C-alpha atoms as a PDB file:
ATOM      1  CA  MET A   1      58.853  19.200 -13.119  1.00  0.00           C
ATOM      2  CA  ASN A   2      59.597  19.667 -16.910  1.00  0.00           C
ATOM      3  CA  ALA A   3      56.132  19.220 -18.966  1.00  0.00           C
ATOM      4  CA  GLY A   4      58.085  18.287 -22.352  1.00  0.00           C
ATOM      5  CA  ARG A   5      55.625  16.356 -25.129  1.00  0.00           C
ATOM      6  CA  VAL A   6      56.666  12.951 -26.166  1.00  0.00           C
ATOM      7  CA  THR A   7      55.917  12.698 -29.489  1.00  0.00           C
ATOM      8  CA  VAL A   8      55.159   9.338 -30.533  1.00  0.00           C
ATOM      9  CA  VAL A   9      55.933   7.951 -34.469  1.00  0.00           C
ATOM     10  CA  GLY A  10      54.869   4.665 -36.040  1.00  0.00           C
ATOM     11  CA  GLU A  11      51.766   2.554 -36.808  1.00  0.00           C
ATOM     12  CA  VAL A  12      48.187   1.625 -35.499  1.00  0.00           C
ATOM     13  CA  LEU A  13      46.609  -1.190 -36.412  1.00  0.00           C
ATOM     14  CA  VAL A  14      43.735  -3.773 -35.590  1.00  0.00           C
ATOM     15  CA  ASP A  15      44.387  -6.382 -33.536  1.00  0.00           C
ATOM     16  CA  LEU A  16      42.658  -9.758 -34.335  1.00  0.00           C
ATOM     17  CA  LEU A  17      43.024 -11.424 -31.309  1.00  0.00           C
ATOM     18  CA  TRP A  18      42.471 -15.381 -31.148  1.00  0.00           C
ATOM     19  CA  ARG A  19      42.086 -17.065 -27.928  1.00  0.00           C
ATOM     20  CA  ALA A  20      43.264 -21.278 -27.602  1.00  0.00           C
ATOM     21  CA  GLY A  21      40.228 -22.965 -27.626  1.00  0.00           C
ATOM     22  CA  GLU A  22      37.808 -20.351 -29.015  1.00  0.00           C
ATOM     23  CA  ARG A  23      36.146 -20.112 -32.194  1.00  0.00           C
ATOM     24  CA  GLU A  24      35.170 -15.897 -32.245  1.00  0.00           C
ATOM     25  CA  LEU A  25      37.960 -13.213 -33.214  1.00  0.00           C
ATOM     26  CA  ARG A  26      37.624 -10.127 -31.317  1.00  0.00           C
ATOM     27  CA  ALA A  27      38.850  -6.971 -33.370  1.00  0.00           C
ATOM     28  CA  VAL A  28      40.684  -4.778 -31.271  1.00  0.00           C
ATOM     29  CA  PRO A  29      42.418  -1.400 -32.153  1.00  0.00           C
ATOM     30  CA  GLY A  30      46.063  -0.400 -31.286  1.00  0.00           C
ATOM     31  CA  GLY A  31      49.677  -1.044 -32.300  1.00  0.00           C
ATOM     32  CA  SER A  32      52.753  -0.467 -29.956  1.00  0.00           C
ATOM     33  CA  PRO A  33      53.120   3.243 -30.990  1.00  0.00           C
ATOM     34  CA  ALA A  34      49.609   4.029 -30.181  1.00  0.00           C
ATOM     35  CA  ASN A  35      49.478   1.727 -26.905  1.00  0.00           C
ATOM     36  CA  VAL A  36      52.404   3.785 -25.922  1.00  0.00           C
ATOM     37  CA  ALA A  37      50.745   7.303 -26.815  1.00  0.00           C
ATOM     38  CA  VAL A  38      47.672   6.162 -24.437  1.00  0.00           C
ATOM     39  CA  GLY A  39      50.254   5.349 -21.782  1.00  0.00           C
ATOM     40  CA  LEU A  40      52.066   8.501 -21.668  1.00  0.00           C
ATOM     41  CA  HIS A  41      48.118  10.231 -21.928  1.00  0.00           C
ATOM     42  CA  ARG A  42      47.190   8.479 -18.802  1.00  0.00           C
ATOM     43  CA  LEU A  43      50.082   9.437 -16.952  1.00  0.00           C
ATOM     44  CA  ASP A  44      49.325  13.325 -17.947  1.00  0.00           C
ATOM     45  CA  ARG A  45      52.355  13.864 -20.415  1.00  0.00           C
ATOM     46  CA  PRO A  46      51.542  15.651 -23.545  1.00  0.00           C
ATOM     47  CA  VAL A  47      51.933  13.380 -25.897  1.00  0.00           C
ATOM     48  CA  THR A  48      51.362  13.613 -29.943  1.00  0.00           C
ATOM     49  CA  LEU A  49      50.798  10.770 -32.238  1.00  0.00           C
ATOM     50  CA  ILE A  50      52.078  10.654 -35.665  1.00  0.00           C
ATOM     51  CA  THR A  51      50.549   7.993 -37.482  1.00  0.00           C
ATOM     52  CA  ALA A  52      49.013   6.441 -40.949  1.00  0.00           C
ATOM     53  CA  TRP A  53      45.625   4.542 -41.461  1.00  0.00           C
ATOM     54  CA  GLY A  54      43.724   3.947 -44.619  1.00  0.00           C
ATOM     55  CA  ASP A  55      40.017   4.476 -45.071  1.00  0.00           C
ATOM     56  CA  ASP A  56      38.726   1.164 -44.916  1.00  0.00           C
ATOM     57  CA  VAL A  57      37.149  -0.922 -42.656  1.00  0.00           C
ATOM     58  CA  PRO A  58      39.867  -1.448 -40.132  1.00  0.00           C
ATOM     59  CA  GLY A  59      40.844   2.106 -40.535  1.00  0.00           C
ATOM     60  CA  ALA A  60      37.335   3.292 -38.974  1.00  0.00           C
ATOM     61  CA  LEU A  61      37.816   1.215 -36.178  1.00  0.00           C
ATOM     62  CA  VAL A  62      41.193   2.825 -35.403  1.00  0.00           C
ATOM     63  CA  ARG A  63      40.181   6.380 -36.233  1.00  0.00           C
ATOM     64  CA  GLU A  64      36.862   5.569 -33.650  1.00  0.00           C
ATOM     65  CA  HIS A  65      39.477   4.491 -31.284  1.00  0.00           C
ATOM     66  CA  LEU A  66      41.557   7.275 -31.310  1.00  0.00           C
ATOM     67  CA  ASP A  67      39.176   9.813 -31.338  1.00  0.00           C
ATOM     68  CA  GLY A  68      37.969   8.406 -27.601  1.00  0.00           C
ATOM     69  CA  ILE A  69      41.264   8.306 -25.920  1.00  0.00           C
ATOM     70  CA  GLY A  70      42.449  11.754 -25.399  1.00  0.00           C
ATOM     71  CA  VAL A  71      45.488  12.322 -27.414  1.00  0.00           C
ATOM     72  CA  GLU A  72      46.487  14.434 -30.216  1.00  0.00           C
ATOM     73  CA  VAL A  73      47.032  12.623 -33.594  1.00  0.00           C
ATOM     74  CA  ARG A  74      48.309  13.554 -36.355  1.00  0.00           C
ATOM     75  CA  ARG A  75      47.474  11.633 -39.179  1.00  0.00           C
ATOM     76  CA  ALA A  76      50.430  11.495 -42.273  1.00  0.00           C
ATOM     77  CA  PRO A  77      49.511  11.316 -45.798  1.00  0.00           C
ATOM     78  CA  ALA A  78      50.905   7.854 -47.038  1.00  0.00           C
ATOM     79  CA  ASP A  79      51.175   6.016 -49.999  1.00  0.00           C
ATOM     80  CA  SER A  80      48.540   3.256 -49.539  1.00  0.00           C
ATOM     81  CA  GLU A  81      44.969   3.096 -48.464  1.00  0.00           C
ATOM     82  CA  ARG A  82      45.490   0.338 -46.222  1.00  0.00           C
ATOM     83  CA  THR A  83      45.622   0.019 -42.558  1.00  0.00           C
ATOM     84  CA  MET A  84      47.880  -2.480 -40.918  1.00  0.00           C
ATOM     85  CA  VAL A  85      46.327  -5.753 -39.193  1.00  0.00           C
ATOM     86  CA  ALA A  86      48.006  -8.060 -37.072  1.00  0.00           C
ATOM     87  CA  LEU A  87      46.444 -11.161 -35.811  1.00  0.00           C
ATOM     88  CA  ALA A  88      47.305 -12.126 -32.304  1.00  0.00           C
ATOM     89  CA  TYR A  89      47.511 -16.045 -31.558  1.00  0.00           C
ATOM     90  CA  LEU A  90      46.943 -16.061 -27.466  1.00  0.00           C
ATOM     91  CA  ASP A  91      47.804 -19.096 -25.364  1.00  0.00           C
ATOM     92  CA  ALA A  92      46.086 -20.523 -22.328  1.00  0.00           C
ATOM     93  CA  ASP A  93      48.617 -18.131 -20.198  1.00  0.00           C
ATOM     94  CA  GLY A  94      47.662 -15.139 -21.830  1.00  0.00           C
ATOM     95  CA  GLY A  95      50.936 -15.177 -24.080  1.00  0.00           C
ATOM     96  CA  ALA A  96      50.910 -13.557 -27.969  1.00  0.00           C
ATOM     97  CA  ARG A  97      52.463 -14.657 -31.350  1.00  0.00           C
ATOM     98  CA  TYR A  98      51.500 -12.351 -34.074  1.00  0.00           C
ATOM     99  CA  ASP A  99      50.966 -12.173 -37.941  1.00  0.00           C
ATOM    100  CA  PHE A 100      50.872  -9.264 -39.771  1.00  0.00           C
ATOM    101  CA  LEU A 101      49.507  -7.415 -43.144  1.00  0.00           C
ATOM    102  CA  ALA A 102      51.776  -4.809 -42.747  1.00  0.00           C
ATOM    103  CA  ASP A 103      51.810  -1.284 -44.464  1.00  0.00           C
ATOM    104  CA  TRP A 104      53.748   1.411 -43.368  1.00  0.00           C
ATOM    105  CA  ASP A 105      54.533   4.310 -46.059  1.00  0.00           C
ATOM    106  CA  PRO A 106      54.091   7.903 -44.677  1.00  0.00           C
ATOM    107  CA  ARG A 107      55.033  10.452 -46.959  1.00  0.00           C
ATOM    108  CA  ALA A 108      55.685  13.522 -44.422  1.00  0.00           C
ATOM    109  CA  ILE A 109      56.065  13.142 -41.081  1.00  0.00           C
ATOM    110  CA  GLU A 110      55.779  16.793 -38.705  1.00  0.00           C
ATOM    111  CA  VAL A 111      56.463  16.700 -35.443  1.00  0.00           C
ATOM    112  CA  PRO A 112      55.382  19.545 -33.044  1.00  0.00           C
ATOM    113  CA  THR A 113      57.892  22.214 -32.249  1.00  0.00           C
ATOM    114  CA  ASP A 114      57.415  22.241 -28.516  1.00  0.00           C
ATOM    115  CA  THR A 115      58.963  18.259 -28.607  1.00  0.00           C
ATOM    116  CA  ALA A 116      61.067  17.318 -26.605  1.00  0.00           C
ATOM    117  CA  VAL A 117      61.209  13.305 -26.870  1.00  0.00           C
ATOM    118  CA  LEU A 118      60.875  11.667 -29.889  1.00  0.00           C
ATOM    119  CA  HIS A 119      59.188   8.221 -29.654  1.00  0.00           C
ATOM    120  CA  THR A 120      59.713   5.433 -32.151  1.00  0.00           C
ATOM    121  CA  GLY A 121      60.089   1.825 -32.760  1.00  0.00           C
ATOM    122  CA  SER A 122      58.386  -1.521 -33.396  1.00  0.00           C
ATOM    123  CA  LEU A 123      57.486  -2.250 -36.843  1.00  0.00           C
ATOM    124  CA  ALA A 124      57.397   1.753 -37.895  1.00  0.00           C
ATOM    125  CA  VAL A 125      61.515   0.853 -38.550  1.00  0.00           C
ATOM    126  CA  VAL A 126      61.556  -2.522 -40.095  1.00  0.00           C
ATOM    127  CA  VAL A 127      59.087  -2.303 -42.814  1.00  0.00           C
ATOM    128  CA  GLU A 128      59.607   0.293 -45.751  1.00  0.00           C
ATOM    129  CA  PRO A 129      59.420   2.405 -47.408  1.00  0.00           C
ATOM    130  CA  GLY A 130      58.555   4.063 -43.620  1.00  0.00           C
ATOM    131  CA  ALA A 131      61.495   2.631 -41.933  1.00  0.00           C
ATOM    132  CA  SER A 132      64.234   4.989 -43.745  1.00  0.00           C
ATOM    133  CA  ARG A 133      62.009   7.683 -44.006  1.00  0.00           C
ATOM    134  CA  VAL A 134      61.767   7.381 -39.866  1.00  0.00           C
ATOM    135  CA  LEU A 135      65.561   6.620 -39.339  1.00  0.00           C
ATOM    136  CA  THR A 136      66.034  10.359 -41.741  1.00  0.00           C
ATOM    137  CA  LEU A 137      63.789  11.536 -39.024  1.00  0.00           C
ATOM    138  CA  CYS A 138      65.553   9.967 -35.954  1.00  0.00           C
ATOM    139  CA  GLN A 139      68.751  11.391 -37.186  1.00  0.00           C
ATOM    140  CA  GLU A 140      67.646  15.198 -38.136  1.00  0.00           C
ATOM    141  CA  ARG A 141      65.671  15.561 -34.418  1.00  0.00           C
ATOM    142  CA  ARG A 142      68.844  14.244 -32.832  1.00  0.00           C
ATOM    143  CA  ARG A 143      70.375  16.591 -34.468  1.00  0.00           C
ATOM    144  CA  ALA A 144      68.439  19.433 -33.468  1.00  0.00           C
ATOM    145  CA  GLY A 145      68.647  18.345 -29.681  1.00  0.00           C
ATOM    146  CA  THR A 146      65.527  16.264 -29.539  1.00  0.00           C
ATOM    147  CA  ARG A 147      65.910  12.817 -27.246  1.00  0.00           C
ATOM    148  CA  VAL A 148      65.293  10.028 -29.571  1.00  0.00           C
ATOM    149  CA  VAL A 149      63.918   7.080 -27.613  1.00  0.00           C
ATOM    150  CA  ALA A 150      63.196   3.915 -29.540  1.00  0.00           C
ATOM    151  CA  ASP A 151      61.734   0.447 -28.248  1.00  0.00           C
ATOM    152  CA  LEU A 152      63.025  -2.452 -30.713  1.00  0.00           C
ATOM    153  CA  ASN A 153      59.268  -4.548 -29.826  1.00  0.00           C
ATOM    154  CA  VAL A 154      61.102  -7.278 -32.452  1.00  0.00           C
ATOM    155  CA  ARG A 155      58.250  -8.727 -34.509  1.00  0.00           C
ATOM    156  CA  PRO A 156      60.005 -11.517 -36.893  1.00  0.00           C
ATOM    157  CA  ALA A 157      56.894 -12.245 -39.255  1.00  0.00           C
ATOM    158  CA  VAL A 158      57.298  -8.949 -40.677  1.00  0.00           C
ATOM    159  CA  GLN A 159      60.777  -9.115 -41.217  1.00  0.00           C
ATOM    160  CA  PRO A 160      62.007 -13.266 -40.678  1.00  0.00           C
ATOM    161  CA  ASP A 161      66.092 -12.284 -42.053  1.00  0.00           C
ATOM    162  CA  ARG A 162      67.589 -12.428 -39.035  1.00  0.00           C
ATOM    163  CA  ASP A 163      70.803 -10.177 -40.476  1.00  0.00           C
ATOM    164  CA  ALA A 164      68.593  -7.874 -42.000  1.00  0.00           C
ATOM    165  CA  TYR A 165      66.253  -7.381 -39.064  1.00  0.00           C
ATOM    166  CA  ARG A 166      69.390  -6.755 -36.472  1.00  0.00           C
ATOM    167  CA  ALA A 167      71.173  -4.430 -39.274  1.00  0.00           C
ATOM    168  CA  ALA A 168      67.838  -2.389 -39.168  1.00  0.00           C
ATOM    169  CA  CYS A 169      67.802  -2.451 -35.244  1.00  0.00           C
ATOM    170  CA  GLU A 170      71.910  -1.514 -35.238  1.00  0.00           C
ATOM    171  CA  ARG A 171      71.091   1.200 -37.331  1.00  0.00           C
ATOM    172  CA  LEU A 172      68.244   2.904 -35.560  1.00  0.00           C
ATOM    173  CA  ALA A 173      70.973   2.331 -31.963  1.00  0.00           C
ATOM    174  CA  GLY A 174      73.243   4.513 -33.735  1.00  0.00           C
ATOM    175  CA  VAL A 175      70.896   7.562 -33.962  1.00  0.00           C
ATOM    176  CA  ALA A 176      69.111   6.880 -30.501  1.00  0.00           C
ATOM    177  CA  ASP A 177      69.809   8.500 -27.375  1.00  0.00           C
ATOM    178  CA  VAL A 178      67.649   5.344 -25.367  1.00  0.00           C
ATOM    179  CA  ILE A 179      67.215   1.810 -26.715  1.00  0.00           C
ATOM    180  CA  LYS A 180      64.753  -0.806 -25.000  1.00  0.00           C
ATOM    181  CA  ALA A 181      64.252  -4.228 -25.820  1.00  0.00           C
ATOM    182  CA  SER A 182      62.855  -7.505 -24.322  1.00  0.00           C
ATOM    183  CA  ASP A 183      65.119 -10.353 -23.368  1.00  0.00           C
ATOM    184  CA  GLU A 184      62.503 -11.711 -25.998  1.00  0.00           C
ATOM    185  CA  ASP A 185      63.878  -9.651 -28.991  1.00  0.00           C
ATOM    186  CA  LEU A 186      67.748  -9.730 -27.824  1.00  0.00           C
ATOM    187  CA  GLY A 187      67.354 -13.489 -27.919  1.00  0.00           C
ATOM    188  CA  TRP A 188      65.834 -13.427 -31.592  1.00  0.00           C
ATOM    189  CA  LEU A 189      68.312 -11.106 -32.964  1.00  0.00           C
ATOM    190  CA  TYR A 190      71.067 -12.171 -31.437  1.00  0.00           C
ATOM    191  CA  PRO A 191      71.026 -15.624 -30.627  1.00  0.00           C
ATOM    192  CA  GLY A 192      73.171 -17.567 -27.881  1.00  0.00           C
ATOM    193  CA  ARG A 193      74.241 -14.319 -26.580  1.00  0.00           C
ATOM    194  CA  THR A 194      72.499 -13.302 -22.664  1.00  0.00           C
ATOM    195  CA  PRO A 195      70.599 -10.119 -23.057  1.00  0.00           C
ATOM    196  CA  ARG A 196      73.278  -8.410 -20.783  1.00  0.00           C
ATOM    197  CA  ASP A 197      75.607  -9.272 -23.677  1.00  0.00           C
ATOM    198  CA  ALA A 198      73.440  -8.171 -26.479  1.00  0.00           C
ATOM    199  CA  ALA A 199      72.427  -5.236 -24.386  1.00  0.00           C
ATOM    200  CA  ARG A 200      76.088  -4.419 -24.217  1.00  0.00           C
ATOM    201  CA  GLU A 201      76.124  -4.829 -27.773  1.00  0.00           C
ATOM    202  CA  LEU A 202      73.931  -2.208 -28.295  1.00  0.00           C
ATOM    203  CA  LEU A 203      75.050   0.155 -26.169  1.00  0.00           C
ATOM    204  CA  ALA A 204      78.253   0.374 -28.124  1.00  0.00           C
ATOM    205  CA  LEU A 205      76.796   1.865 -30.983  1.00  0.00           C
ATOM    206  CA  GLY A 206      75.847   5.003 -29.404  1.00  0.00           C
ATOM    207  CA  PRO A 207      72.796   5.283 -26.981  1.00  0.00           C
ATOM    208  CA  GLU A 208      73.200   6.808 -23.644  1.00  0.00           C
ATOM    209  CA  LEU A 209      71.027   4.115 -22.305  1.00  0.00           C
ATOM    210  CA  VAL A 210      69.740   0.689 -23.346  1.00  0.00           C
ATOM    211  CA  VAL A 211      66.939  -0.837 -20.827  1.00  0.00           C
ATOM    212  CA  VAL A 212      65.791  -4.657 -21.389  1.00  0.00           C
ATOM    213  CA  THR A 213      62.538  -5.852 -19.682  1.00  0.00           C
ATOM    214  CA  LEU A 214      62.550  -9.422 -18.405  1.00  0.00           C
ATOM    215  CA  GLY A 215      59.531 -10.108 -18.224  1.00  0.00           C
ATOM    216  CA  PRO A 216      58.407 -11.317 -14.319  1.00  0.00           C
ATOM    217  CA  ASP A 217      62.187 -11.074 -13.394  1.00  0.00           C
ATOM    218  CA  GLY A 218      61.510  -6.868 -13.985  1.00  0.00           C
ATOM    219  CA  GLY A 219      63.702  -4.693 -16.252  1.00  0.00           C
ATOM    220  CA  LEU A 220      67.656  -4.426 -16.428  1.00  0.00           C
ATOM    221  CA  ALA A 221      69.352  -0.749 -17.589  1.00  0.00           C
ATOM    222  CA  LEU A 222      72.947  -0.183 -19.008  1.00  0.00           C
ATOM    223  CA  THR A 223      74.992   3.206 -19.362  1.00  0.00           C
ATOM    224  CA  ALA A 224      78.739   3.438 -20.110  1.00  0.00           C
ATOM    225  CA  ASP A 225      79.543   3.482 -16.231  1.00  0.00           C
ATOM    226  CA  ALA A 226      75.887   1.992 -14.248  1.00  0.00           C
ATOM    227  CA  GLU A 227      73.938  -1.435 -14.418  1.00  0.00           C
ATOM    228  CA  VAL A 228      70.978  -1.771 -12.550  1.00  0.00           C
ATOM    229  CA  ARG A 229      67.995  -4.237 -12.024  1.00  0.00           C
ATOM    230  CA  ALA A 230      64.763  -3.364 -10.374  1.00  0.00           C
ATOM    231  CA  PRO A 231      62.224  -6.309  -9.929  1.00  0.00           C
ATOM    232  CA  ALA A 232      58.500  -6.786 -11.005  1.00  0.00           C
ATOM    233  CA  PRO A 233      55.808  -6.954  -8.637  1.00  0.00           C
ATOM    234  CA  ALA A 234      53.928 -10.700  -8.194  1.00  0.00           C
ATOM    235  CA  ILE A 235      50.621 -10.667  -9.701  1.00  0.00           C
ATOM    236  CA  THR A 236      48.173 -13.305 -11.763  1.00  0.00           C
ATOM    237  CA  VAL A 237      48.634 -12.066 -15.299  1.00  0.00           C
ATOM    238  CA  VAL A 238      45.460 -11.877 -17.669  1.00  0.00           C
ATOM    239  CA  ASP A 239      47.289 -11.383 -20.787  1.00  0.00           C
ATOM    240  CA  THR A 240      50.572  -9.615 -21.591  1.00  0.00           C
ATOM    241  CA  ILE A 241      49.327  -7.388 -24.765  1.00  0.00           C
ATOM    242  CA  GLY A 242      50.730  -3.921 -24.220  1.00  0.00           C
ATOM    243  CA  ALA A 243      52.907  -4.755 -21.162  1.00  0.00           C
ATOM    244  CA  GLY A 244      56.171  -4.105 -23.433  1.00  0.00           C
ATOM    245  CA  ASP A 245      54.054  -1.015 -24.762  1.00  0.00           C
ATOM    246  CA  THR A 246      52.609   0.466 -20.930  1.00  0.00           C
ATOM    247  CA  PHE A 247      57.021   0.014 -19.260  1.00  0.00           C
ATOM    248  CA  GLN A 248      58.124   2.205 -22.296  1.00  0.00           C
ATOM    249  CA  ALA A 249      55.498   5.182 -21.643  1.00  0.00           C
ATOM    250  CA  ALA A 250      56.600   5.105 -18.040  1.00  0.00           C
ATOM    251  CA  LEU A 251      59.977   5.057 -19.186  1.00  0.00           C
ATOM    252  CA  LEU A 252      59.481   7.897 -21.697  1.00  0.00           C
ATOM    253  CA  ASP A 253      57.505  10.053 -19.150  1.00  0.00           C
ATOM    254  CA  ALA A 254      60.427   9.944 -16.559  1.00  0.00           C
ATOM    255  CA  ILE A 255      62.704  10.886 -19.244  1.00  0.00           C
ATOM    256  CA  ALA A 256      60.571  13.759 -20.181  1.00  0.00           C
ATOM    257  CA  ARG A 257      60.255  14.494 -16.510  1.00  0.00           C
ATOM    258  CA  HIS A 258      63.446  14.827 -15.806  1.00  0.00           C
ATOM    259  CA  GLY A 259      64.511  16.227 -19.341  1.00  0.00           C
ATOM    260  CA  ALA A 260      67.346  14.099 -19.782  1.00  0.00           C
ATOM    261  CA  VAL A 261      68.348  10.643 -19.433  1.00  0.00           C
ATOM    262  CA  PRO A 262      68.435   8.938 -16.667  1.00  0.00           C
ATOM    263  CA  ARG A 263      72.402   7.255 -16.079  1.00  0.00           C
ATOM    264  CA  GLU A 264      72.642   7.662 -11.969  1.00  0.00           C
ATOM    265  CA  PRO A 265      71.980   4.346 -10.543  1.00  0.00           C
ATOM    266  CA  ALA A 266      69.541   5.099  -7.822  1.00  0.00           C
ATOM    267  CA  LEU A 267      67.559   7.375 -10.354  1.00  0.00           C
ATOM    268  CA  LEU A 268      67.530   4.206 -12.838  1.00  0.00           C
ATOM    269  CA  THR A 269      66.630   1.937 -10.253  1.00  0.00           C
ATOM    270  CA  GLU A 270      63.790   4.296  -9.471  1.00  0.00           C
ATOM    271  CA  VAL A 271      62.652   4.831 -12.980  1.00  0.00           C
ATOM    272  CA  LEU A 272      62.937   0.942 -13.731  1.00  0.00           C
ATOM    273  CA  THR A 273      60.998   0.151 -10.680  1.00  0.00           C
ATOM    274  CA  ARG A 274      57.803   2.453 -11.687  1.00  0.00           C
ATOM    275  CA  CYS A 275      58.200   1.089 -15.571  1.00  0.00           C
ATOM    276  CA  ALA A 276      57.831  -2.566 -14.535  1.00  0.00           C
ATOM    277  CA  LEU A 277      55.102  -1.744 -11.944  1.00  0.00           C
ATOM    278  CA  ALA A 278      52.820  -0.066 -14.753  1.00  0.00           C
ATOM    279  CA  ALA A 279      53.599  -2.846 -16.781  1.00  0.00           C
ATOM    280  CA  ALA A 280      52.669  -5.429 -14.169  1.00  0.00           C
ATOM    281  CA  ILE A 281      49.235  -3.087 -14.003  1.00  0.00           C
ATOM    282  CA  ASN A 282      48.530  -3.635 -17.273  1.00  0.00           C
ATOM    283  CA  CYS A 283      49.077  -7.536 -16.980  1.00  0.00           C
ATOM    284  CA  THR A 284      46.311  -7.734 -14.494  1.00  0.00           C
ATOM    285  CA  ARG A 285      43.346  -6.342 -17.658  1.00  0.00           C
ATOM    286  CA  THR A 286      42.648  -7.996 -21.003  1.00  0.00           C
ATOM    287  CA  GLY A 287      44.624  -6.109 -23.891  1.00  0.00           C
ATOM    288  CA  ALA A 288      46.405  -3.333 -23.474  1.00  0.00           C
ATOM    289  CA  ASN A 289      45.337  -1.021 -21.025  1.00  0.00           C
ATOM    290  CA  PRO A 290      47.593   1.123 -19.153  1.00  0.00           C
ATOM    291  CA  PRO A 291      47.384   2.908 -15.617  1.00  0.00           C
ATOM    292  CA  THR A 292      46.326   6.352 -15.192  1.00  0.00           C
ATOM    293  CA  THR A 293      48.760   8.489 -12.816  1.00  0.00           C
ATOM    294  CA  ALA A 294      46.506   7.416  -9.916  1.00  0.00           C
ATOM    295  CA  GLU A 295      46.579   4.365 -10.262  1.00  0.00           C
ATOM    296  CA  LEU A 296      49.891   3.668 -10.551  1.00  0.00           C
ATOM    297  CA  ALA A 297      50.716   5.993  -7.132  1.00  0.00           C
ATOM    298  CA  ALA A 298      47.867   3.833  -5.545  1.00  0.00           C
ATOM    299  CA  ALA A 299      49.934   0.432  -6.299  1.00  0.00           C
ATOM    300  CA  ALA A 300      53.258   1.737  -5.294  1.00  0.00           C
ATOM    301  CA  GLY A 301      51.962   2.718  -1.772  1.00  0.00           C
ATOM    302  CA  VAL A 302      52.104   6.620  -2.600  1.00  0.00           C
ATOM    303  CA  SER A 303      48.988   7.871  -3.344  1.00  0.00           C
ATOM    304  CA  GLY A 304      48.468  11.559  -3.555  1.00  0.00           C
ATOM    305  CA  ARG A 305      51.973  11.906  -4.661  1.00  0.00           C
END
């Protein structure tokens, strides 16, 4: 199997988790790109995380976290000395709503030479000045033959102007081989459209594949020639933090493993089913806590494969 490296570019932050009815907040280091990198590492995929943080109190927590997860981390030089912080309001069902103190301003992004797949998304593609620098990186790496994958992971709190946010996502779609979004992401970006129709609009901008996560309904994948769906397993949800990131890690692992963007319907169904299972396992735990290869194999009933 292809052992290609996945390089993840994006923000790292501290989530302040505030559950409904509770007085105390809990500080948990993470952020979507960091969660994706951890997910890839637990799937035994060579991975490098390129990010930036400040020399402040949240930054110390971030550094400690990254030092302990076994992921190769490259700290990019940045214009500011602040670490991003997210306030996550958790409802009784474990759903999360976010507010952000956002800084994303890496000056230089040096990608490992053996990178087969470049992943980005989330706040890194909408918070300036870093967003423009990441877009340029995606353009350059795609021209050089690296597969570029992005998770929109829409957070209106950082850019409430819907038209501006949609324009940023569409620019990204124009330089990516694969775009992933949730049905909620697409519902906010394209109000009044079905997830399928919104995904088709993104597909027309240039990606080979658009994947839509549908929560308890699984996932949907669209190419120019195919459309497939895969169900999600029934579970008891603890919370949904990190579910999309875990799904994305499994998707990136599949692209790196196959050495190409999956397009054939049977393969797409297999990939989506594995991604949905990984996300479901994460949702049975507190916070972003993606499964290992062994845990995922055991849950699929194929332990040792």
